[in-house]
């Protein structure tokens, strides 16, 4: 059985859709803008929002804990952001789609959140005497490499041992 949450792929897809809608809005601003200064600000904001959505999609795909929170915030803020522009032409279709994607994203993130007390992926095996997972070993290697003192060496298995002269 896979350790990935079932809704992760849907969250990634919705984040990619949000990024595409932000880029669509940027294109509409670039084509219809009358004054360049306000248009540049709107385009920069749209590009930043698309970049954040893409970065969050990548983090969510990799199972990062912060990505779920970021996806929840992106989804929750999409509908108010779309409503702020007023659903007027030529933004009507991207605004309605952004609001819909935002609501779906928020609901999907909340629906796929783990139950309290349930270990998430990478929590390791809690059985006593079981061999550590690769994630546990790499975390121990990183921690011990940073905490090694003079007279200690880091073994291949990640343990710190005193240096011996013989």
N, C-alpha and C. Protein backbone atom coordinates (compact mmCIF):
# COMPACT_ATOMS: atom_id res chain seq x y z
N UNK A 1 0.85 -1.19 0.00
CA UNK A 1 0.00 0.00 0.00
C UNK A 1 0.88 1.24 0.00
N UNK A 2 0.49 2.25 -0.73
CA UNK A 2 1.29 3.47 -0.86
C UNK A 2 1.14 4.34 0.38
N UNK A 3 2.23 5.04 0.73
CA UNK A 3 2.17 5.90 1.90
C UNK A 3 1.72 7.32 1.53
N UNK A 4 1.48 7.55 0.25
CA UNK A 4 1.03 8.87 -0.17
C UNK A 4 -0.45 9.08 0.12
N UNK A 5 -0.80 10.26 0.60
CA UNK A 5 -2.22 10.54 0.80
C UNK A 5 -2.94 10.54 -0.55
N UNK A 6 -4.17 10.03 -0.59
CA UNK A 6 -4.86 9.88 -1.87
C UNK A 6 -5.18 11.19 -2.57
N UNK A 7 -5.33 12.28 -1.85
CA UNK A 7 -5.70 13.53 -2.48
C UNK A 7 -4.54 14.41 -2.90
N UNK A 8 -3.30 13.95 -2.66
CA UNK A 8 -2.14 14.78 -2.97
C UNK A 8 -2.06 15.13 -4.46
N UNK A 9 -2.34 14.15 -5.31
CA UNK A 9 -2.28 14.41 -6.76
C UNK A 9 -3.34 15.44 -7.16
N UNK A 10 -4.51 15.38 -6.55
CA UNK A 10 -5.56 16.36 -6.85
C UNK A 10 -5.17 17.75 -6.38
N UNK A 11 -4.54 17.85 -5.22
CA UNK A 11 -4.08 19.15 -4.71
C UNK A 11 -3.04 19.73 -5.66
N UNK A 12 -2.10 18.89 -6.12
CA UNK A 12 -1.08 19.36 -7.06
C UNK A 12 -1.73 19.85 -8.35
N UNK A 13 -2.70 19.10 -8.86
CA UNK A 13 -3.39 19.49 -10.09
C UNK A 13 -4.12 20.82 -9.91
N UNK A 14 -4.78 21.01 -8.78
CA UNK A 14 -5.49 22.26 -8.53
C UNK A 14 -4.53 23.43 -8.37
N UNK A 15 -3.37 23.20 -7.77
CA UNK A 15 -2.37 24.26 -7.66
C UNK A 15 -1.83 24.64 -9.04
N UNK A 16 -1.63 23.66 -9.90
CA UNK A 16 -1.19 23.96 -11.27
C UNK A 16 -2.26 24.74 -12.03
N UNK A 17 -3.53 24.40 -11.79
CA UNK A 17 -4.62 25.14 -12.41
C UNK A 17 -4.65 26.58 -11.90
N UNK A 18 -4.41 26.78 -10.61
CA UNK A 18 -4.38 28.14 -10.06
C UNK A 18 -3.25 28.94 -10.68
N UNK A 19 -2.08 28.31 -10.87
CA UNK A 19 -0.96 29.00 -11.50
C UNK A 19 -1.29 29.37 -12.94
N UNK A 20 -1.93 28.45 -13.66
CA UNK A 20 -2.31 28.72 -15.05
C UNK A 20 -3.30 29.88 -15.13
N UNK A 21 -4.23 29.94 -14.19
CA UNK A 21 -5.19 31.04 -14.18
C UNK A 21 -4.52 32.37 -13.85
N UNK A 22 -3.55 32.35 -12.95
CA UNK A 22 -2.80 33.58 -12.66
C UNK A 22 -2.04 34.06 -13.89
N UNK A 23 -1.44 33.13 -14.62
CA UNK A 23 -0.72 33.51 -15.84
C UNK A 23 -1.68 33.98 -16.93
N UNK A 24 -2.87 33.40 -16.99
CA UNK A 24 -3.89 33.86 -17.94
C UNK A 24 -4.29 35.30 -17.63
N UNK A 25 -4.48 35.58 -16.37
CA UNK A 25 -4.84 36.94 -15.95
C UNK A 25 -3.72 37.92 -16.30
N UNK A 26 -2.46 37.48 -16.15
CA UNK A 26 -1.32 38.33 -16.52
C UNK A 26 -1.34 38.65 -18.01
N UNK A 27 -1.65 37.65 -18.82
CA UNK A 27 -1.73 37.86 -20.26
C UNK A 27 -2.83 38.83 -20.64
N UNK A 28 -3.97 38.70 -19.98
CA UNK A 28 -5.09 39.62 -20.26
C UNK A 28 -4.70 41.04 -19.87
N UNK A 29 -4.04 41.20 -18.73
CA UNK A 29 -3.60 42.54 -18.30
C UNK A 29 -2.63 43.12 -19.32
N UNK A 30 -1.70 42.31 -19.79
CA UNK A 30 -0.70 42.80 -20.74
C UNK A 30 -1.33 43.24 -22.05
N UNK A 31 -2.37 42.55 -22.48
CA UNK A 31 -3.01 42.88 -23.75
C UNK A 31 -3.95 44.07 -23.63
N UNK A 32 -4.67 44.18 -22.52
CA UNK A 32 -5.71 45.20 -22.40
C UNK A 32 -5.31 46.43 -21.61
N UNK A 33 -4.12 46.47 -21.09
CA UNK A 33 -3.72 47.57 -20.20
C UNK A 33 -3.61 48.88 -20.98
N UNK A 34 -4.16 49.92 -20.39
CA UNK A 34 -4.05 51.24 -20.98
C UNK A 34 -2.84 51.99 -20.46
N UNK A 35 -2.56 51.85 -19.18
CA UNK A 35 -1.41 52.52 -18.57
C UNK A 35 -0.39 51.48 -18.14
N UNK A 36 0.87 51.69 -18.48
CA UNK A 36 1.88 50.67 -18.21
C UNK A 36 2.23 50.49 -16.73
N UNK A 37 2.21 51.54 -15.93
CA UNK A 37 2.64 51.42 -14.53
C UNK A 37 1.70 50.51 -13.72
N UNK A 38 0.39 50.74 -13.72
CA UNK A 38 -0.48 49.82 -12.97
C UNK A 38 -0.44 48.40 -13.55
N UNK A 39 -0.32 48.31 -14.86
CA UNK A 39 -0.28 46.99 -15.49
C UNK A 39 0.95 46.21 -15.05
N UNK A 40 2.07 46.90 -14.92
CA UNK A 40 3.30 46.23 -14.49
C UNK A 40 3.14 45.68 -13.07
N UNK A 41 2.49 46.43 -12.20
CA UNK A 41 2.24 45.95 -10.84
C UNK A 41 1.33 44.74 -10.82
N UNK A 42 0.28 44.76 -11.64
CA UNK A 42 -0.63 43.62 -11.69
C UNK A 42 0.06 42.39 -12.27
N UNK A 43 0.88 42.60 -13.29
CA UNK A 43 1.59 41.48 -13.90
C UNK A 43 2.60 40.89 -12.90
N UNK A 44 3.30 41.76 -12.19
CA UNK A 44 4.27 41.27 -11.19
C UNK A 44 3.55 40.47 -10.10
N UNK A 45 2.41 40.95 -9.63
CA UNK A 45 1.65 40.23 -8.61
C UNK A 45 1.15 38.89 -9.14
N UNK A 46 0.70 38.88 -10.38
CA UNK A 46 0.23 37.63 -10.98
C UNK A 46 1.35 36.62 -11.16
N UNK A 47 2.51 37.10 -11.58
CA UNK A 47 3.66 36.20 -11.73
C UNK A 47 4.11 35.65 -10.38
N UNK A 48 4.08 36.50 -9.36
CA UNK A 48 4.46 36.04 -8.02
C UNK A 48 3.46 35.00 -7.51
N UNK A 49 2.18 35.23 -7.74
CA UNK A 49 1.17 34.27 -7.30
C UNK A 49 1.32 32.94 -8.05
N UNK A 50 1.59 33.00 -9.35
CA UNK A 50 1.79 31.78 -10.12
C UNK A 50 3.04 31.04 -9.63
N UNK A 51 4.10 31.78 -9.36
CA UNK A 51 5.31 31.16 -8.85
C UNK A 51 5.09 30.50 -7.49
N UNK A 52 4.34 31.15 -6.63
CA UNK A 52 4.03 30.57 -5.32
C UNK A 52 3.20 29.30 -5.47
N UNK A 53 2.23 29.32 -6.38
CA UNK A 53 1.41 28.13 -6.61
C UNK A 53 2.26 26.98 -7.15
N UNK A 54 3.17 27.29 -8.07
CA UNK A 54 4.03 26.24 -8.62
C UNK A 54 4.98 25.68 -7.57
N UNK A 55 5.55 26.55 -6.75
CA UNK A 55 6.46 26.11 -5.68
C UNK A 55 5.72 25.25 -4.66
N UNK A 56 4.49 25.65 -4.36
CA UNK A 56 3.68 24.88 -3.42
C UNK A 56 3.31 23.53 -4.02
N UNK A 57 3.00 23.49 -5.32
CA UNK A 57 2.69 22.22 -5.98
C UNK A 57 3.89 21.28 -5.91
N UNK A 58 5.06 21.82 -6.12
CA UNK A 58 6.28 21.00 -6.04
C UNK A 58 6.48 20.49 -4.60
N UNK A 59 6.28 21.36 -3.62
CA UNK A 59 6.41 20.93 -2.23
C UNK A 59 5.37 19.90 -1.85
N UNK A 60 4.16 20.07 -2.34
CA UNK A 60 3.09 19.12 -2.04
C UNK A 60 3.39 17.77 -2.68
N UNK A 61 3.90 17.80 -3.88
CA UNK A 61 4.25 16.55 -4.56
C UNK A 61 5.36 15.82 -3.82
N UNK A 62 6.26 16.59 -3.21
CA UNK A 62 7.35 16.00 -2.44
C UNK A 62 6.96 15.64 -1.01
N UNK A 63 5.73 15.93 -0.61
CA UNK A 63 5.27 15.57 0.73
C UNK A 63 5.70 16.52 1.82
N UNK A 64 6.03 17.76 1.50
CA UNK A 64 6.45 18.73 2.50
C UNK A 64 5.25 19.16 3.34
N UNK A 65 5.46 19.26 4.64
CA UNK A 65 4.37 19.62 5.55
C UNK A 65 3.88 21.05 5.31
N UNK A 66 4.79 21.98 5.02
CA UNK A 66 4.40 23.38 4.81
C UNK A 66 3.53 23.53 3.57
N UNK A 67 3.66 22.63 2.61
CA UNK A 67 2.93 22.77 1.35
C UNK A 67 1.41 22.65 1.56
N UNK A 68 1.00 21.81 2.48
CA UNK A 68 -0.44 21.68 2.74
C UNK A 68 -1.00 22.99 3.31
N UNK A 69 -0.24 23.60 4.22
CA UNK A 69 -0.68 24.89 4.77
C UNK A 69 -0.71 25.97 3.69
N UNK A 70 0.32 26.00 2.87
CA UNK A 70 0.37 26.99 1.79
C UNK A 70 -0.77 26.77 0.79
N UNK A 71 -1.05 25.52 0.45
CA UNK A 71 -2.15 25.22 -0.46
C UNK A 71 -3.48 25.64 0.13
N UNK A 72 -3.63 25.43 1.43
CA UNK A 72 -4.86 25.86 2.10
C UNK A 72 -5.01 27.38 2.02
N UNK A 73 -3.94 28.11 2.27
CA UNK A 73 -3.99 29.57 2.18
C UNK A 73 -4.24 30.05 0.76
N UNK A 74 -3.59 29.42 -0.21
CA UNK A 74 -3.80 29.80 -1.61
C UNK A 74 -5.26 29.57 -1.99
N UNK A 75 -5.80 28.43 -1.61
CA UNK A 75 -7.20 28.14 -1.92
C UNK A 75 -8.15 29.10 -1.23
N UNK A 76 -7.89 29.39 0.04
CA UNK A 76 -8.78 30.28 0.79
C UNK A 76 -8.75 31.71 0.27
N UNK A 77 -7.60 32.13 -0.27
CA UNK A 77 -7.48 33.51 -0.75
C UNK A 77 -7.84 33.68 -2.23
N UNK A 78 -8.02 32.58 -2.95
CA UNK A 78 -8.31 32.68 -4.38
C UNK A 78 -9.68 33.30 -4.66
N UNK A 79 -10.69 32.86 -3.94
CA UNK A 79 -12.03 33.40 -4.19
C UNK A 79 -12.12 34.89 -3.86
N UNK A 80 -11.62 35.36 -2.71
CA UNK A 80 -11.66 36.81 -2.46
C UNK A 80 -10.83 37.61 -3.46
N UNK A 81 -9.70 37.05 -3.89
CA UNK A 81 -8.86 37.74 -4.87
C UNK A 81 -9.61 37.86 -6.20
N UNK A 82 -10.31 36.81 -6.59
CA UNK A 82 -11.09 36.87 -7.84
C UNK A 82 -12.25 37.85 -7.70
N UNK A 83 -12.88 37.88 -6.55
CA UNK A 83 -14.01 38.79 -6.34
C UNK A 83 -13.56 40.24 -6.30
N UNK A 84 -12.32 40.49 -5.89
CA UNK A 84 -11.83 41.87 -5.80
C UNK A 84 -11.78 42.53 -7.17
N UNK A 85 -11.57 41.75 -8.21
CA UNK A 85 -11.53 42.37 -9.54
C UNK A 85 -12.93 42.57 -10.12
N UNK A 86 -13.94 42.05 -9.47
CA UNK A 86 -15.31 42.39 -9.81
C UNK A 86 -15.98 41.53 -10.85
N UNK A 87 -15.36 40.49 -11.35
CA UNK A 87 -15.94 39.61 -12.34
C UNK A 87 -16.43 40.37 -13.58
N UNK A 88 -15.66 41.37 -14.00
CA UNK A 88 -16.08 42.15 -15.17
C UNK A 88 -15.23 41.76 -16.37
N UNK A 89 -15.75 41.99 -17.56
CA UNK A 89 -15.00 41.63 -18.78
C UNK A 89 -13.70 42.42 -18.83
N UNK A 90 -12.66 41.89 -19.34
CA UNK A 90 -12.46 40.56 -19.93
C UNK A 90 -12.02 39.51 -18.92
N UNK A 91 -12.15 39.81 -17.63
CA UNK A 91 -11.67 38.90 -16.59
C UNK A 91 -12.73 37.95 -16.06
N UNK A 92 -13.93 37.96 -16.61
CA UNK A 92 -15.04 37.18 -16.05
C UNK A 92 -14.70 35.70 -15.97
N UNK A 93 -14.26 35.11 -17.06
CA UNK A 93 -14.00 33.67 -17.07
C UNK A 93 -12.83 33.30 -16.16
N UNK A 94 -11.68 33.99 -16.24
CA UNK A 94 -10.61 33.62 -15.31
C UNK A 94 -10.98 33.85 -13.83
N UNK A 95 -11.76 34.88 -13.55
CA UNK A 95 -12.15 35.14 -12.16
C UNK A 95 -13.08 34.06 -11.62
N UNK A 96 -14.06 33.66 -12.41
CA UNK A 96 -14.98 32.60 -11.98
C UNK A 96 -14.21 31.29 -11.80
N UNK A 97 -13.32 31.00 -12.75
CA UNK A 97 -12.52 29.78 -12.65
C UNK A 97 -11.59 29.83 -11.44
N UNK A 98 -11.00 30.99 -11.17
CA UNK A 98 -10.12 31.12 -10.01
C UNK A 98 -10.89 30.90 -8.71
N UNK A 99 -12.08 31.47 -8.62
CA UNK A 99 -12.90 31.28 -7.43
C UNK A 99 -13.27 29.81 -7.26
N UNK A 100 -13.64 29.15 -8.35
CA UNK A 100 -14.01 27.73 -8.28
C UNK A 100 -12.81 26.87 -7.89
N UNK A 101 -11.66 27.12 -8.50
CA UNK A 101 -10.45 26.35 -8.18
C UNK A 101 -10.05 26.59 -6.73
N UNK A 102 -10.17 27.83 -6.27
CA UNK A 102 -9.83 28.13 -4.88
C UNK A 102 -10.70 27.38 -3.89
N UNK A 103 -12.00 27.33 -4.16
CA UNK A 103 -12.91 26.60 -3.29
C UNK A 103 -12.60 25.10 -3.33
N UNK A 104 -12.40 24.57 -4.52
CA UNK A 104 -12.07 23.14 -4.64
C UNK A 104 -10.74 22.82 -3.94
N UNK A 105 -9.77 23.70 -4.09
CA UNK A 105 -8.47 23.48 -3.45
C UNK A 105 -8.59 23.47 -1.93
N UNK A 106 -9.32 24.42 -1.40
CA UNK A 106 -9.52 24.49 0.05
C UNK A 106 -10.22 23.24 0.57
N UNK A 107 -11.28 22.84 -0.11
CA UNK A 107 -12.03 21.66 0.31
C UNK A 107 -11.16 20.40 0.20
N UNK A 108 -10.38 20.29 -0.88
CA UNK A 108 -9.53 19.12 -1.07
C UNK A 108 -8.46 19.02 0.00
N UNK A 109 -7.82 20.15 0.31
CA UNK A 109 -6.78 20.13 1.34
C UNK A 109 -7.38 19.74 2.69
N UNK A 110 -8.52 20.30 3.01
CA UNK A 110 -9.16 19.98 4.29
C UNK A 110 -9.65 18.53 4.32
N UNK A 111 -10.14 18.03 3.19
CA UNK A 111 -10.65 16.66 3.15
C UNK A 111 -9.53 15.63 3.23
N UNK A 112 -8.35 15.98 2.75
CA UNK A 112 -7.26 15.00 2.74
C UNK A 112 -6.31 15.16 3.92
N UNK A 113 -6.62 16.05 4.84
CA UNK A 113 -5.76 16.23 6.02
C UNK A 113 -5.83 14.98 6.88
N UNK A 114 -4.69 14.62 7.49
CA UNK A 114 -4.62 13.41 8.32
C UNK A 114 -5.42 13.57 9.60
N UNK A 115 -5.81 12.46 10.15
CA UNK A 115 -6.53 12.46 11.41
C UNK A 115 -5.57 12.77 12.55
N UNK A 116 -6.01 13.44 13.61
CA UNK A 116 -5.13 13.70 14.74
C UNK A 116 -4.62 12.39 15.34
N UNK A 117 -3.35 12.37 15.66
CA UNK A 117 -2.75 11.21 16.26
C UNK A 117 -2.32 10.13 15.27
N UNK A 118 -2.62 10.31 14.01
CA UNK A 118 -2.25 9.35 12.99
C UNK A 118 -0.87 9.71 12.47
N UNK A 119 0.08 8.76 12.46
CA UNK A 119 1.41 9.11 11.98
C UNK A 119 1.38 9.39 10.49
N UNK A 120 2.07 10.42 10.08
CA UNK A 120 2.14 10.77 8.68
C UNK A 120 3.28 10.03 8.00
N UNK A 121 3.42 10.23 6.68
CA UNK A 121 4.51 9.57 5.98
C UNK A 121 5.85 10.06 6.51
N UNK A 122 6.78 9.17 6.64
CA UNK A 122 8.10 9.54 7.15
C UNK A 122 8.16 9.58 8.66
N UNK A 123 7.09 9.14 9.34
CA UNK A 123 7.10 9.15 10.79
C UNK A 123 7.96 8.04 11.35
N UNK A 124 8.33 7.10 10.49
CA UNK A 124 9.20 6.01 10.94
C UNK A 124 8.39 4.88 11.53
N UNK A 125 9.05 3.81 11.83
CA UNK A 125 8.42 2.63 12.39
C UNK A 125 8.54 2.69 13.91
N UNK A 126 7.43 2.61 14.60
CA UNK A 126 7.45 2.76 16.04
C UNK A 126 7.73 1.44 16.76
N UNK A 127 7.86 0.34 16.03
CA UNK A 127 8.11 -0.96 16.65
C UNK A 127 9.51 -0.99 17.25
N UNK A 128 9.61 -1.50 18.47
CA UNK A 128 10.90 -1.62 19.13
C UNK A 128 11.69 -2.72 18.44
N UNK A 129 12.96 -2.45 18.16
CA UNK A 129 13.82 -3.44 17.56
C UNK A 129 13.74 -3.52 16.05
N UNK A 130 12.89 -2.73 15.43
CA UNK A 130 12.82 -2.77 13.98
C UNK A 130 13.95 -1.94 13.40
N UNK A 131 14.44 -2.31 12.21
CA UNK A 131 15.54 -1.55 11.62
C UNK A 131 15.06 -0.16 11.22
N UNK A 132 15.93 0.85 11.37
CA UNK A 132 15.52 2.20 11.01
C UNK A 132 15.34 2.33 9.50
N UNK A 133 14.42 3.20 9.12
CA UNK A 133 14.19 3.43 7.69
C UNK A 133 15.31 4.30 7.14
N UNK A 134 15.35 4.39 5.81
CA UNK A 134 16.37 5.22 5.15
C UNK A 134 16.23 6.68 5.57
N UNK A 135 14.99 7.14 5.75
CA UNK A 135 14.78 8.53 6.17
C UNK A 135 15.33 8.76 7.57
N UNK A 136 15.14 7.76 8.46
CA UNK A 136 15.67 7.89 9.83
C UNK A 136 17.19 7.94 9.81
N UNK A 137 17.81 7.08 9.00
CA UNK A 137 19.28 7.06 8.93
C UNK A 137 19.82 8.36 8.37
N UNK A 138 19.19 8.90 7.31
CA UNK A 138 19.72 10.15 6.74
C UNK A 138 19.52 11.31 7.70
N UNK A 139 18.42 11.31 8.45
CA UNK A 139 18.21 12.38 9.43
C UNK A 139 19.25 12.28 10.53
N UNK A 140 19.57 11.06 10.98
CA UNK A 140 20.58 10.89 12.01
C UNK A 140 21.95 11.31 11.49
N UNK A 141 22.26 10.99 10.23
CA UNK A 141 23.54 11.40 9.64
C UNK A 141 23.67 12.92 9.64
N UNK A 142 22.61 13.60 9.21
CA UNK A 142 22.65 15.08 9.17
C UNK A 142 22.81 15.65 10.57
N UNK A 143 22.03 15.13 11.52
CA UNK A 143 22.09 15.64 12.89
C UNK A 143 23.46 15.40 13.50
N UNK A 144 23.98 14.20 13.35
CA UNK A 144 25.27 13.87 13.95
C UNK A 144 26.42 14.58 13.26
N UNK A 145 26.33 14.80 11.97
CA UNK A 145 27.39 15.52 11.27
C UNK A 145 27.49 16.96 11.78
N UNK A 146 26.37 17.51 12.20
CA UNK A 146 26.37 18.88 12.70
C UNK A 146 26.80 18.96 14.17
N UNK A 147 26.67 17.85 14.90
CA UNK A 147 26.95 17.91 16.33
C UNK A 147 28.24 17.21 16.73
N UNK A 148 29.00 16.73 15.74
CA UNK A 148 30.27 16.04 16.06
C UNK A 148 31.22 17.01 16.77
N UNK A 149 31.89 16.50 17.83
CA UNK A 149 32.85 17.31 18.57
C UNK A 149 34.26 16.82 18.25
N UNK A 150 35.24 17.54 18.73
CA UNK A 150 36.63 17.12 18.55
C UNK A 150 36.81 15.77 19.23
N UNK A 151 37.52 14.87 18.57
CA UNK A 151 37.76 13.55 19.11
C UNK A 151 36.68 12.54 18.75
N UNK A 152 35.71 12.94 17.94
CA UNK A 152 34.66 12.04 17.50
C UNK A 152 34.68 11.95 15.98
N UNK A 153 34.26 10.82 15.48
CA UNK A 153 34.14 10.64 14.04
C UNK A 153 32.76 10.07 13.73
N UNK A 154 32.31 10.31 12.55
CA UNK A 154 30.99 9.88 12.11
C UNK A 154 31.13 8.59 11.31
N UNK A 155 30.51 7.51 11.81
CA UNK A 155 30.56 6.24 11.10
C UNK A 155 29.57 6.25 9.95
N UNK A 156 29.72 5.26 9.07
CA UNK A 156 28.84 5.18 7.90
C UNK A 156 27.39 4.95 8.28
N UNK A 157 27.15 4.34 9.43
CA UNK A 157 25.78 4.10 9.86
C UNK A 157 25.16 5.31 10.56
N UNK A 158 25.93 6.41 10.67
CA UNK A 158 25.40 7.64 11.24
C UNK A 158 25.68 7.83 12.70
N UNK A 159 26.38 6.89 13.34
CA UNK A 159 26.67 7.03 14.76
C UNK A 159 27.97 7.78 14.98
N UNK A 160 28.01 8.56 16.03
CA UNK A 160 29.23 9.25 16.44
C UNK A 160 30.02 8.33 17.36
N UNK A 161 31.28 8.13 17.07
CA UNK A 161 32.13 7.26 17.92
C UNK A 161 33.43 7.99 18.21
N UNK A 162 34.05 7.70 19.36
CA UNK A 162 35.34 8.35 19.67
C UNK A 162 36.41 7.88 18.69
N UNK A 163 37.30 8.78 18.37
CA UNK A 163 38.42 8.45 17.50
C UNK A 163 39.42 7.62 18.31
N UNK A 164 39.83 6.49 17.75
CA UNK A 164 40.81 5.63 18.43
C UNK A 164 42.10 5.63 17.64
N UNK A 165 43.20 5.49 18.33
CA UNK A 165 44.51 5.50 17.69
C UNK A 165 45.02 4.09 17.48
N UNK A 166 44.31 3.22 16.95
CA UNK A 166 44.91 1.93 16.80
C UNK A 166 44.12 1.03 16.05
